[in-house]
Amino acid sequence: MNAARLSTLGFALAALLVAGGCASRAPAPEKPAPRRADTGLDRMERLTLTANRCWFKSKDPAFASYSIAPELSSFSGRPRFLLVPRGRLEARPLLVVEGAAGSTDVATYGPLLDTALRARLEGDLARWRAGSTACDA
């Protein structure tokens, strides 16, 4: 082969390599977002906000003797809120509403469940756990 022909082939090969480098590449497939562990926090946050709005901000007379004490940042992995005697956030809870990691269950316990408010508490909480934000049944 003569030198002119080799030079032309070399130039053509170089041009192909440069053009290949400029070609658009297929986008890499998106990685799915890492799955977040269910701490129950979102669910308990919604329940707490709804309970506060429906029972306390609405000035519902059935709850006038109580205050709500949210404990959503729990190191135990069990976000919860408490009903305590009004104005005494450090007092022993009268009602505990507690979520659990990885579960849709919400546990409720405390002496307030042994009163006439039991049906109301259980009805409201069941409705709110199902997704309703309505204050009235």
Foldseek 3Di string as FASTA:
>chain_A
DDPVVVVVVVVVVVVVVVVVVPDDDDDDDDDDDDDDWALCLVLQVQVLVLCCVLPPVVVPVVLVQWDKAWQSPDPVSKGWIFIDGPPCNVDDGQKIWIDGIPDLDIDIDHVVCVDPCVVVVVVQSVCVSVPDSDSDD
